[in-house]
Amino acid sequence: MEADDQSAMNDEFAGTYDDSVDEYGYHPEMLSGLCFEYVKKGDRLLDIGIGTGLASLNFAKFGVEVHGIDSSNGMLDVCRSKDFAVDLKKHDLRDLPLPCADNSFDHVMSSGVFHFFDDLNPIFREVARIIRPEGMFAFIVRDQAVTDGVTEDDLDPDGYVGHDTHYGVKVYMHGEGYIGSLIESCGFECLKEFKFLLASGLEGLDDFVFKAYVTQKSA
């Protein structure tokens, strides 16, 4: 599926997205809970792929200045209706560089986005460019695991593997060795890791394994 098709799909489901993630037991606000201790009131935070704002809403309630970018107008409209973000921009995350100045954010987060990308090196380097020293970078990837349509032979713990899904979108699972090398090479230090399951919602289809990381940029 091309980027435009994926954005169109996100537009279509924007109005029901919040209800659907709750149904599958996915709680994007979990990521904000993992890194809450590293932010303070008045900090500037960029949510990459902000969607309807579920992951960063709690930060705004705390007094963090939330900015967001997303490729879907529909998702941004829902997020905008919640009236918590300081600024929202429509931008395709495959189109780099990001529309952000160097060292312009105290923190960056991304939930439910990176499993749609194969090589994460370009976006990680962009985050390193726009985030300030000692800033927090928190994100979620789909972890490598044997699941429906993926065998042990397919997995590459030091890289990533993609596979087609029942809803027509190719997704990618990223190995721990690959993510670890990216974190280090882009000038970050890992503070926390958290692995969790997400129900597939389909009979006979294995649950998905995801992993959350909280990292900090070197001073």
Protein backbone atom coordinates (compact mmCIF):
# COMPACT_ATOMS: atom_id res chain seq x y z
CA MET A 1 0.00 0.00 0.00
CA GLU A 2 1.31 3.44 -0.97
CA ALA A 3 1.58 6.32 1.50
CA ASP A 4 -1.43 8.09 -0.04
CA ASP A 5 -3.53 4.93 0.28
CA GLN A 6 -2.53 4.53 3.91
CA SER A 7 -3.45 8.15 4.66
CA ALA A 8 -6.80 7.62 2.94
CA MET A 9 -7.42 4.55 5.11
CA ASN A 10 -6.55 6.56 8.23
CA ASP A 11 -8.93 9.30 7.10
CA GLU A 12 -11.70 6.73 6.73
CA PHE A 13 -11.27 5.26 10.19
CA ALA A 14 -10.41 8.47 12.06
CA GLY A 15 -13.89 8.86 13.52
CA THR A 16 -13.91 5.37 15.05
CA TYR A 17 -10.20 5.05 15.85
CA ASP A 18 -10.43 5.81 19.57
CA ASP A 19 -13.15 3.20 20.08
CA SER A 20 -11.34 0.58 18.00
CA VAL A 21 -8.02 0.79 19.87
CA ASP A 22 -9.90 0.43 23.15
CA GLU A 23 -11.64 -2.65 21.78
CA TYR A 24 -8.31 -4.28 20.95
CA GLY A 25 -6.84 -3.38 24.32
CA TYR A 26 -4.31 -0.93 22.94
CA HIS A 27 -3.67 2.05 25.18
CA PRO A 28 -1.36 4.62 23.51
CA GLU A 29 -1.30 6.64 26.73
CA MET A 30 0.82 3.82 28.16
CA LEU A 31 3.83 5.37 26.43
CA SER A 32 3.29 8.71 28.13
CA GLY A 33 3.05 6.88 31.45
CA LEU A 34 6.43 5.23 30.90
CA CYS A 35 8.18 8.55 30.29
CA PHE A 36 6.17 10.92 32.45
CA GLU A 37 8.97 11.26 34.99
CA TYR A 38 11.29 12.77 32.38
CA VAL A 39 9.15 15.77 31.42
CA LYS A 40 8.18 18.95 33.23
CA LYS A 41 5.57 21.65 32.77
CA GLY A 42 6.36 24.03 29.94
CA ASP A 43 8.46 21.54 27.96
CA ARG A 44 7.91 21.37 24.18
CA LEU A 45 7.04 17.89 22.91
CA LEU A 46 6.55 16.69 19.33
CA ASP A 47 4.25 13.71 18.76
CA ILE A 48 5.25 12.10 15.45
CA GLY A 49 2.16 10.52 13.91
CA ILE A 50 -0.05 12.08 16.55
CA GLY A 51 -3.24 10.60 15.09
CA THR A 52 -6.19 11.46 17.32
CA GLY A 53 -3.85 12.47 20.15
CA LEU A 54 -4.34 9.53 22.51
CA ALA A 55 -0.63 9.15 23.31
CA SER A 56 0.15 12.77 24.15
CA LEU A 57 -3.12 14.08 25.59
CA ASN A 58 -2.04 13.39 29.18
CA PHE A 59 1.13 15.41 28.67
CA ALA A 60 -0.95 18.42 27.65
CA LYS A 61 -3.11 18.01 30.74
CA PHE A 62 0.06 18.14 32.82
CA GLY A 63 1.19 21.40 31.20
CA VAL A 64 3.49 20.18 28.43
CA GLU A 65 3.30 22.11 25.13
CA VAL A 66 2.27 19.42 22.64
CA HIS A 67 2.93 19.73 18.91
CA GLY A 68 1.94 17.06 16.43
CA ILE A 69 2.42 15.94 12.83
CA ASP A 70 0.45 13.35 10.92
CA SER A 71 -0.24 12.42 7.30
CA SER A 72 -4.01 12.05 7.78
CA ASN A 73 -6.31 15.06 7.69
CA GLY A 74 -9.06 12.98 9.26
CA MET A 75 -6.93 12.03 12.25
CA LEU A 76 -5.77 15.61 12.67
CA ASP A 77 -9.36 16.85 12.59
CA VAL A 78 -10.28 14.51 15.45
CA CYS A 79 -7.17 15.54 17.38
CA ARG A 80 -7.93 19.21 16.77
CA SER A 81 -11.45 18.77 18.15
CA LYS A 82 -9.94 17.74 21.51
CA ASP A 83 -8.33 21.19 21.72
CA PHE A 84 -5.14 20.31 23.56
CA ALA A 85 -2.31 20.60 21.00
CA VAL A 86 -0.52 23.91 20.47
CA ASP A 87 0.18 23.17 16.82
CA LEU A 88 -0.80 20.40 14.38
CA LYS A 89 0.73 19.95 10.92
CA LYS A 90 -0.12 17.61 8.05
CA HIS A 91 3.08 15.97 6.86
CA ASP A 92 4.02 12.64 5.31
CA LEU A 93 6.64 11.12 7.60
CA ARG A 94 8.34 9.55 4.58
CA ASP A 95 9.07 13.05 3.33
CA LEU A 96 12.24 14.10 5.17
CA PRO A 97 13.46 16.37 6.60
CA LEU A 98 10.66 17.00 9.04
CA PRO A 99 9.24 20.55 9.08
CA CYS A 100 11.05 21.37 12.33
CA ALA A 101 14.10 23.46 13.20
CA ASP A 102 17.24 22.02 14.78
CA ASN A 103 17.04 21.55 18.58
CA SER A 104 13.47 22.86 18.62
CA PHE A 105 11.88 20.32 20.97
CA ASP A 106 12.63 19.14 24.48
CA HIS A 107 11.10 15.73 23.76
CA VAL A 108 9.81 13.59 20.89
CA MET A 109 7.46 10.62 21.01
CA SER A 110 5.84 8.27 18.51
CA SER A 111 3.25 5.58 19.21
CA GLY A 112 1.74 3.21 16.66
CA VAL A 113 3.68 4.52 13.66
CA PHE A 114 7.12 2.94 13.24
CA HIS A 115 5.86 -0.55 12.36
CA PHE A 116 4.76 0.92 9.00
CA PHE A 117 8.41 1.74 8.14
CA ASP A 118 11.24 -0.59 7.16
CA ASP A 119 14.54 1.20 7.81
CA LEU A 120 14.08 3.57 10.75
CA ASN A 121 17.54 5.12 10.48
CA PRO A 122 16.40 8.25 8.54
CA ILE A 123 13.61 9.16 10.97
CA PHE A 124 15.80 8.46 14.01
CA ARG A 125 18.45 10.82 12.67
CA GLU A 126 15.79 13.45 12.11
CA VAL A 127 14.69 13.08 15.72
CA ALA A 128 18.32 13.49 16.82
CA ARG A 129 18.44 16.71 14.80
CA ILE A 130 15.31 18.36 16.20
CA ILE A 131 15.57 17.26 19.83
CA ARG A 132 17.61 19.16 22.41
CA PRO A 133 20.48 17.61 24.38
CA GLU A 134 19.22 15.43 27.27
CA GLY A 135 15.78 15.36 25.63
CA MET A 136 13.64 12.25 25.79
CA PHE A 137 12.73 10.18 22.72
CA ALA A 138 10.02 7.59 23.41
CA PHE A 139 8.63 5.26 20.76
CA ILE A 140 6.96 1.91 20.08
CA VAL A 141 7.92 -0.68 17.47
CA ARG A 142 6.54 -4.07 16.61
CA ASP A 143 8.95 -6.62 18.05
CA GLN A 144 10.21 -9.58 16.07
CA ALA A 145 8.28 -12.72 16.94
CA VAL A 146 6.83 -15.78 15.24
CA THR A 147 3.27 -14.87 14.33
CA ASP A 148 0.72 -15.48 11.60
CA GLY A 149 2.54 -15.59 8.26
CA VAL A 150 5.98 -15.18 9.89
CA THR A 151 8.28 -18.10 10.71
CA GLU A 152 11.46 -18.39 12.74
CA ASP A 153 13.46 -18.40 9.48
CA ASP A 154 11.97 -15.01 8.52
CA LEU A 155 13.21 -13.23 11.61
CA ASP A 156 16.34 -11.10 11.68
CA PRO A 157 17.12 -9.95 15.25
CA ASP A 158 19.71 -7.48 13.91
CA GLY A 159 17.40 -5.95 11.31
CA TYR A 160 13.77 -5.94 10.32
CA VAL A 161 11.30 -8.07 8.40
CA GLY A 162 8.12 -7.00 6.63
CA HIS A 163 4.96 -8.94 5.93
CA ASP A 164 1.56 -8.29 4.40
CA THR A 165 -1.50 -8.05 6.63
CA HIS A 166 -5.13 -9.04 6.14
CA TYR A 167 -6.09 -5.37 5.74
CA GLY A 168 -3.71 -4.74 2.84
CA VAL A 169 -0.95 -2.83 4.64
CA LYS A 170 2.62 -4.07 4.88
CA VAL A 171 4.03 -3.84 8.39
CA TYR A 172 7.52 -4.33 9.75
CA MET A 173 8.93 -6.00 12.85
CA HIS A 174 12.23 -4.61 14.13
CA GLY A 175 14.84 -6.63 15.98
CA GLU A 176 16.20 -5.63 19.37
CA GLY A 177 19.76 -5.58 18.00
CA TYR A 178 18.71 -3.27 15.19
CA ILE A 179 16.88 -0.85 17.49
CA GLY A 180 19.72 -0.92 19.99
CA SER A 181 22.30 -0.03 17.34
CA LEU A 182 20.09 2.83 16.08
CA ILE A 183 19.67 4.24 19.56
CA GLU A 184 23.43 4.24 20.10
CA SER A 185 24.47 5.49 16.65
CA CYS A 186 22.00 8.39 16.79
CA GLY A 187 23.35 9.61 20.11
CA PHE A 188 20.72 8.29 22.52
CA GLU A 189 20.85 6.17 25.66
CA CYS A 190 18.13 3.66 26.49
CA LEU A 191 16.40 4.38 29.80
CA LYS A 192 13.51 1.91 29.71
CA GLU A 193 12.19 -1.00 27.64
CA PHE A 194 8.74 -2.54 27.93
CA LYS A 195 7.35 -5.45 25.88
CA PHE A 196 3.60 -6.03 25.59
CA LEU A 197 0.98 -7.98 23.64
CA LEU A 198 -1.78 -6.52 21.50
CA ALA A 199 -4.75 -8.67 20.59
CA SER A 200 -5.13 -9.28 16.86
CA GLY A 201 -8.91 -9.18 17.12
CA LEU A 202 -9.24 -12.03 14.61
CA GLU A 203 -9.95 -15.67 15.37
CA GLY A 204 -6.95 -17.87 14.69
CA LEU A 205 -4.54 -14.95 14.35
CA ASP A 206 -1.78 -14.68 16.93
CA ASP A 207 -1.50 -11.67 19.20
CA PHE A 208 1.05 -9.05 18.17
CA VAL A 209 4.22 -8.36 20.18
CA PHE A 210 5.21 -4.71 20.55
CA LYS A 211 8.02 -3.03 22.46
CA ALA A 212 8.20 0.46 23.93
CA TYR A 213 11.49 2.27 24.37
CA VAL A 214 12.27 5.40 26.38
CA THR A 215 15.62 6.95 25.45
CA GLN A 216 17.53 10.14 26.19
CA LYS A 217 19.76 12.18 23.89
CA SER A 218 23.32 12.63 25.07
CA ALA A 219 24.24 15.98 26.57
